[in-house]
């Protein structure tokens, strides 16, 4: 059992050491570093392009829409005041034209 634990500990230590060494080598590698920088720049440009495609309303847009709605509401209220207060008349149907009988 002791031998097994010793082997596992040695393998874990070797694995951690290898991972640390590879990470250090990668961070010092100019190709990897430049690739990471390019990928980061491309990601940022893609985000900016995606955001520019969104049609988000600005505060000014909302204010213009609110002003338009206020004008429409005022016009409707004005029309409602001009309408006669009587009940709406129902239309009578026009008589059907007589059909000639031969």
N, C-alpha and C. Protein backbone atom coordinates (compact mmCIF):
# COMPACT_ATOMS: atom_id res chain seq x y z
N UNK A 1 0.83 -1.18 0.00
CA UNK A 1 0.00 0.00 0.00
C UNK A 1 0.87 1.25 0.00
N UNK A 2 1.98 1.19 0.75
CA UNK A 2 2.91 2.32 0.83
C UNK A 2 3.55 2.58 -0.53
N UNK A 3 3.89 1.49 -1.24
CA UNK A 3 4.51 1.64 -2.55
C UNK A 3 3.54 2.29 -3.54
N UNK A 4 2.30 1.89 -3.43
CA UNK A 4 1.28 2.45 -4.33
C UNK A 4 1.11 3.94 -4.09
N UNK A 5 1.02 4.35 -2.83
CA UNK A 5 0.88 5.77 -2.48
C UNK A 5 2.10 6.55 -2.93
N UNK A 6 3.27 5.97 -2.78
CA UNK A 6 4.51 6.62 -3.19
C UNK A 6 4.52 6.84 -4.71
N UNK A 7 4.06 5.85 -5.45
CA UNK A 7 4.03 5.97 -6.91
C UNK A 7 3.04 7.07 -7.32
N UNK A 8 1.87 7.09 -6.68
CA UNK A 8 0.86 8.11 -6.99
C UNK A 8 1.40 9.50 -6.68
N UNK A 9 2.05 9.65 -5.54
CA UNK A 9 2.63 10.95 -5.17
C UNK A 9 3.70 11.37 -6.17
N UNK A 10 4.54 10.43 -6.58
CA UNK A 10 5.59 10.77 -7.55
C UNK A 10 5.00 11.16 -8.89
N UNK A 11 3.96 10.43 -9.33
CA UNK A 11 3.31 10.76 -10.60
C UNK A 11 2.62 12.13 -10.53
N UNK A 12 1.95 12.41 -9.43
CA UNK A 12 1.28 13.70 -9.26
C UNK A 12 2.31 14.83 -9.28
N UNK A 13 3.41 14.66 -8.56
CA UNK A 13 4.46 15.68 -8.55
C UNK A 13 5.07 15.89 -9.92
N UNK A 14 5.30 14.80 -10.64
CA UNK A 14 5.87 14.90 -11.98
C UNK A 14 4.90 15.59 -12.92
N UNK A 15 3.63 15.26 -12.81
CA UNK A 15 2.61 15.88 -13.66
C UNK A 15 2.53 17.37 -13.39
N UNK A 16 2.48 17.76 -12.13
CA UNK A 16 2.42 19.18 -11.78
C UNK A 16 3.66 19.92 -12.26
N UNK A 17 4.81 19.29 -12.13
CA UNK A 17 6.05 19.91 -12.61
C UNK A 17 6.05 20.08 -14.12
N UNK A 18 5.56 19.07 -14.82
CA UNK A 18 5.50 19.15 -16.28
C UNK A 18 4.54 20.24 -16.72
N UNK A 19 3.40 20.33 -16.09
CA UNK A 19 2.42 21.36 -16.44
C UNK A 19 3.01 22.74 -16.20
N UNK A 20 3.67 22.93 -15.09
CA UNK A 20 4.28 24.23 -14.77
C UNK A 20 5.35 24.58 -15.79
N UNK A 21 6.16 23.61 -16.18
CA UNK A 21 7.23 23.85 -17.14
C UNK A 21 6.65 24.20 -18.52
N UNK A 22 5.60 23.50 -18.95
CA UNK A 22 4.98 23.77 -20.25
C UNK A 22 4.35 25.16 -20.24
N UNK A 23 3.67 25.51 -19.14
CA UNK A 23 3.07 26.84 -19.05
C UNK A 23 4.13 27.93 -19.13
N UNK A 24 5.25 27.71 -18.47
CA UNK A 24 6.33 28.70 -18.49
C UNK A 24 6.92 28.81 -19.90
N UNK A 25 7.12 27.70 -20.54
CA UNK A 25 7.66 27.73 -21.90
C UNK A 25 6.70 28.41 -22.86
N UNK A 26 5.42 28.14 -22.71
CA UNK A 26 4.43 28.75 -23.58
C UNK A 26 4.36 30.26 -23.37
N UNK A 27 4.47 30.70 -22.14
CA UNK A 27 4.40 32.14 -21.88
C UNK A 27 5.64 32.85 -22.41
N UNK A 28 6.73 32.14 -22.56
CA UNK A 28 7.95 32.74 -23.10
C UNK A 28 8.03 32.62 -24.61
N UNK A 29 7.20 31.81 -25.20
CA UNK A 29 7.24 31.58 -26.64
C UNK A 29 6.57 32.76 -27.34
N UNK A 30 7.30 33.40 -28.25
CA UNK A 30 6.78 34.59 -28.92
C UNK A 30 5.61 34.25 -29.85
N UNK A 31 5.63 33.08 -30.45
CA UNK A 31 4.54 32.69 -31.34
C UNK A 31 3.24 32.56 -30.55
N UNK A 32 3.33 31.93 -29.41
CA UNK A 32 2.14 31.76 -28.56
C UNK A 32 1.66 33.11 -28.06
N UNK A 33 2.58 33.94 -27.62
CA UNK A 33 2.21 35.25 -27.10
C UNK A 33 1.55 36.11 -28.19
N UNK A 34 2.14 36.13 -29.37
CA UNK A 34 1.56 36.93 -30.44
C UNK A 34 0.21 36.38 -30.89
N UNK A 35 0.08 35.06 -30.87
CA UNK A 35 -1.20 34.45 -31.23
C UNK A 35 -2.28 34.82 -30.21
N UNK A 36 -1.92 34.81 -28.95
CA UNK A 36 -2.87 35.19 -27.91
C UNK A 36 -3.27 36.66 -28.07
N UNK A 37 -2.32 37.52 -28.39
CA UNK A 37 -2.61 38.94 -28.58
C UNK A 37 -3.53 39.16 -29.78
N UNK A 38 -3.24 38.46 -30.88
CA UNK A 38 -4.09 38.59 -32.07
C UNK A 38 -5.49 38.08 -31.80
N UNK A 39 -5.59 36.95 -31.09
CA UNK A 39 -6.90 36.40 -30.76
C UNK A 39 -7.68 37.37 -29.87
N UNK A 40 -7.00 37.99 -28.94
CA UNK A 40 -7.66 38.95 -28.06
C UNK A 40 -8.14 40.17 -28.86
N UNK A 41 -7.31 40.66 -29.78
CA UNK A 41 -7.69 41.80 -30.61
C UNK A 41 -8.87 41.44 -31.51
N UNK A 42 -8.86 40.23 -32.07
CA UNK A 42 -9.97 39.80 -32.94
C UNK A 42 -11.26 39.66 -32.13
N UNK A 43 -11.15 39.15 -30.91
CA UNK A 43 -12.33 39.02 -30.05
C UNK A 43 -12.91 40.40 -29.76
N UNK A 44 -12.04 41.36 -29.47
CA UNK A 44 -12.50 42.71 -29.17
C UNK A 44 -13.17 43.34 -30.39
N UNK A 45 -12.58 43.17 -31.58
CA UNK A 45 -13.19 43.70 -32.80
C UNK A 45 -14.53 43.04 -33.07
N UNK A 46 -14.62 41.74 -32.83
CA UNK A 46 -15.88 41.02 -33.05
C UNK A 46 -16.96 41.52 -32.10
N UNK A 47 -16.58 41.78 -30.86
CA UNK A 47 -17.55 42.32 -29.90
C UNK A 47 -18.03 43.70 -30.34
N UNK A 48 -17.10 44.54 -30.79
CA UNK A 48 -17.49 45.88 -31.23
C UNK A 48 -18.39 45.80 -32.46
N UNK A 49 -18.10 44.89 -33.38
CA UNK A 49 -18.92 44.73 -34.57
C UNK A 49 -20.32 44.25 -34.19
N UNK A 50 -20.40 43.32 -33.26
CA UNK A 50 -21.70 42.81 -32.82
C UNK A 50 -22.52 43.90 -32.15
N UNK A 51 -21.88 44.68 -31.33
CA UNK A 51 -22.59 45.76 -30.63
C UNK A 51 -23.05 46.82 -31.62
N UNK A 52 -22.23 47.10 -32.63
CA UNK A 52 -22.63 48.12 -33.61
C UNK A 52 -23.82 47.65 -34.44
N UNK A 53 -24.03 46.35 -34.55
CA UNK A 53 -25.16 45.83 -35.30
C UNK A 53 -26.47 45.88 -34.51
N UNK A 54 -26.35 46.01 -33.20
CA UNK A 54 -27.55 46.12 -32.38
C UNK A 54 -28.13 47.51 -32.57
N UNK A 55 -29.42 47.57 -32.70
CA UNK A 55 -30.07 48.87 -32.86
C UNK A 55 -30.67 49.26 -31.52
N UNK A 56 -29.80 49.74 -30.66
CA UNK A 56 -30.24 50.15 -29.34
C UNK A 56 -30.74 51.58 -29.37
N UNK A 57 -31.84 51.82 -28.70
CA UNK A 57 -32.40 53.16 -28.66
C UNK A 57 -31.60 54.00 -27.67
N UNK A 58 -31.28 55.20 -28.09
CA UNK A 58 -30.59 56.13 -27.20
C UNK A 58 -31.63 56.90 -26.40
N UNK A 59 -31.18 57.65 -25.44
CA UNK A 59 -32.11 58.47 -24.65
C UNK A 59 -32.83 59.48 -25.54
N UNK A 60 -32.11 59.99 -26.53
CA UNK A 60 -32.72 60.95 -27.45
C UNK A 60 -33.83 60.28 -28.27
N UNK A 61 -33.59 59.03 -28.70
CA UNK A 61 -34.60 58.29 -29.45
C UNK A 61 -35.86 58.11 -28.60
N UNK A 62 -35.67 57.73 -27.36
CA UNK A 62 -36.80 57.52 -26.46
C UNK A 62 -37.54 58.83 -26.22
N UNK A 63 -36.79 59.91 -26.06
CA UNK A 63 -37.42 61.22 -25.85
C UNK A 63 -38.24 61.64 -27.08
N UNK A 64 -37.71 61.40 -28.28
CA UNK A 64 -38.45 61.73 -29.51
C UNK A 64 -39.72 60.89 -29.61
N UNK A 65 -39.63 59.60 -29.29
CA UNK A 65 -40.81 58.75 -29.33
C UNK A 65 -41.86 59.21 -28.32
N UNK A 66 -41.41 59.57 -27.13
CA UNK A 66 -42.34 60.05 -26.11
C UNK A 66 -43.04 61.34 -26.56
N UNK A 67 -42.26 62.23 -27.18
CA UNK A 67 -42.86 63.48 -27.67
C UNK A 67 -43.88 63.19 -28.77
N UNK A 68 -43.57 62.26 -29.65
CA UNK A 68 -44.52 61.89 -30.70
C UNK A 68 -45.79 61.29 -30.11
N UNK A 69 -45.64 60.42 -29.14
CA UNK A 69 -46.80 59.83 -28.50
C UNK A 69 -47.64 60.89 -27.80
N UNK A 70 -46.99 61.85 -27.17
CA UNK A 70 -47.72 62.94 -26.51
C UNK A 70 -48.52 63.75 -27.53
N UNK A 71 -47.93 64.02 -28.70
CA UNK A 71 -48.65 64.77 -29.74
C UNK A 71 -49.85 63.98 -30.25
N UNK A 72 -49.66 62.68 -30.46
CA UNK A 72 -50.77 61.84 -30.95
C UNK A 72 -51.88 61.81 -29.90
N UNK A 73 -51.51 61.65 -28.65
CA UNK A 73 -52.51 61.62 -27.58
C UNK A 73 -53.28 62.94 -27.50
N UNK A 74 -52.58 64.05 -27.62
CA UNK A 74 -53.23 65.36 -27.59
C UNK A 74 -54.18 65.52 -28.77
N UNK A 75 -53.78 65.06 -29.94
CA UNK A 75 -54.64 65.14 -31.12
C UNK A 75 -55.89 64.28 -30.95
N UNK A 76 -55.74 63.10 -30.38
CA UNK A 76 -56.90 62.25 -30.14
C UNK A 76 -57.85 62.87 -29.13
N UNK A 77 -57.29 63.45 -28.09
CA UNK A 77 -58.13 64.13 -27.10
C UNK A 77 -58.88 65.30 -27.73
N UNK A 78 -58.22 66.05 -28.59
CA UNK A 78 -58.85 67.18 -29.27
C UNK A 78 -59.99 66.69 -30.17
N UNK A 79 -59.74 65.60 -30.90
CA UNK A 79 -60.79 65.04 -31.75
C UNK A 79 -61.97 64.54 -30.92
N UNK A 80 -61.67 63.94 -29.79
CA UNK A 80 -62.75 63.43 -28.94
C UNK A 80 -63.61 64.58 -28.42
N UNK A 81 -62.99 65.72 -28.14
CA UNK A 81 -63.76 66.88 -27.66
C UNK A 81 -64.63 67.47 -28.77
N UNK A 82 -64.18 67.38 -30.00
CA UNK A 82 -64.94 67.93 -31.13
C UNK A 82 -66.12 67.06 -31.53
N UNK A 83 -66.06 65.80 -31.21
CA UNK A 83 -67.13 64.88 -31.60
C UNK A 83 -68.39 65.21 -30.81
N UNK A 84 -69.54 65.08 -31.45
CA UNK A 84 -70.79 65.34 -30.72
C UNK A 84 -70.97 64.33 -29.60
N UNK A 85 -71.61 64.78 -28.55
CA UNK A 85 -71.78 63.94 -27.38
C UNK A 85 -72.92 62.95 -27.56
N UNK A 86 -73.68 63.05 -28.65
CA UNK A 86 -74.81 62.15 -28.86
C UNK A 86 -74.33 60.75 -29.18
N UNK A 87 -75.28 59.84 -29.12
CA UNK A 87 -74.98 58.46 -29.44
C UNK A 87 -74.66 58.34 -30.92
N UNK A 88 -73.81 57.45 -31.27
CA UNK A 88 -73.55 57.25 -32.69
C UNK A 88 -74.79 56.69 -33.37
N UNK A 89 -75.06 57.21 -34.55
CA UNK A 89 -76.23 56.76 -35.30
C UNK A 89 -75.93 55.43 -35.96
N UNK A 90 -76.95 54.61 -35.98
CA UNK A 90 -76.78 53.35 -36.69
C UNK A 90 -77.22 53.57 -38.13
N UNK A 91 -76.54 53.02 -39.00
CA UNK A 91 -76.87 53.18 -40.42
C UNK A 91 -77.98 52.22 -40.79
N UNK A 92 -78.91 52.74 -41.56
CA UNK A 92 -79.96 51.85 -42.05
C UNK A 92 -79.51 51.30 -43.38
N UNK A 93 -79.97 50.16 -43.66
CA UNK A 93 -79.58 49.53 -44.92
C UNK A 93 -80.36 50.17 -46.06
N UNK A 94 -79.72 50.34 -47.15
CA UNK A 94 -80.39 50.88 -48.34
C UNK A 94 -81.32 49.81 -48.87
N UNK A 95 -82.49 50.21 -49.36
CA UNK A 95 -83.43 49.20 -49.90
C UNK A 95 -82.81 48.54 -51.12
N UNK A 96 -83.15 47.29 -51.27
CA UNK A 96 -82.63 46.55 -52.41
C UNK A 96 -83.33 47.04 -53.67
N UNK A 97 -82.60 47.15 -54.74
CA UNK A 97 -83.27 47.58 -55.99
C UNK A 97 -84.24 46.50 -56.47
N UNK A 98 -85.32 46.98 -57.05
CA UNK A 98 -86.33 46.03 -57.56
C UNK A 98 -85.79 45.32 -58.77
N UNK A 99 -86.09 44.07 -58.82
CA UNK A 99 -85.65 43.28 -59.98
C UNK A 99 -86.78 43.23 -60.99
N UNK A 100 -86.49 43.46 -62.23
CA UNK A 100 -87.56 43.42 -63.24
C UNK A 100 -88.07 42.00 -63.41
N UNK A 101 -89.36 41.88 -63.49
CA UNK A 101 -89.94 40.53 -63.68
C UNK A 101 -90.48 40.46 -65.11
N UNK A 102 -90.08 39.53 -65.81
CA UNK A 102 -90.55 39.35 -67.19
C UNK A 102 -91.49 38.23 -67.31
